[in-house]
Amino acid sequence: SKVPEDWSYLWEYKDKLSRRMTLLNDVREVMGATLKMLGYSYNSTNPQEIKKAYETLVELKPSIASFSSDAWRSLILSGDLWIAMCYSSDAAEIMAENPDLQYVLPKSGSSLWTDTLAIPKTAPNLEGAYAWINFMLEADVAAQMCERLSFATPNQKAFKLLSRDIQEDPSLFPEESALERCEGLAPVDEVSELYDRYWTQLTSG
């Protein structure tokens, strides 16, 4: 089969991929990806759009081996899985173990994520907390974090310290045009129960 380009690949080849694919065990990521494929926002609050995404996933359900955020790793390395929805940092780790595996950022878009550092209001050592954050933001430290954890860095000084291979790794630093099609997860409080109800129906049984 051709190399996957978008989420629609899973539906197009669902018979060939039957029980050889996994999706994340995460309602917002799975529903969001399906919404995105259908041309809607990852963060849709439109009940009709959310229902359409659910119905589309129901069509795929018989071909899904499991909803897994971790177990897919050993299964794809052993060849029991052929395709897995996963986080980019996990994909980078797995590709380091098996260079034949490939990471794909779906052309209709995906979710954007960041790890953040925050200081609680009740922190007993505010000065120490700021010192730790400043240390983590030092260029050489941020560059090491990127290399060791396969996490992208927004630190431009750190980016310049990275090897060209890492700088040009699309799983870490996608092209701007690809990022523009992605969305950060936003609260959907007014329809969160609807998402949860559809998710329970989808993943049970």
Foldseek 3Di string as FASTA:
>chain_A
DDDDAAPCVCVVCLVVQALQEEEALDLLQQLLRLLLVVVHHSADLDLVSSVVSLVVVLSNLRRHNAHHAPPVLVCVVVVSHDYYHYQLLSQVVSCVVPVVDDDYQHQSEGADDDDDQDDDPPDPCPVVSVVVVVVCLPQCNVLVCCVPRVEADPNPSNLVVHDVCSNPPCSHPNDPSRVVSYYHHDDNVVCVVVSVVSSCVSRDD
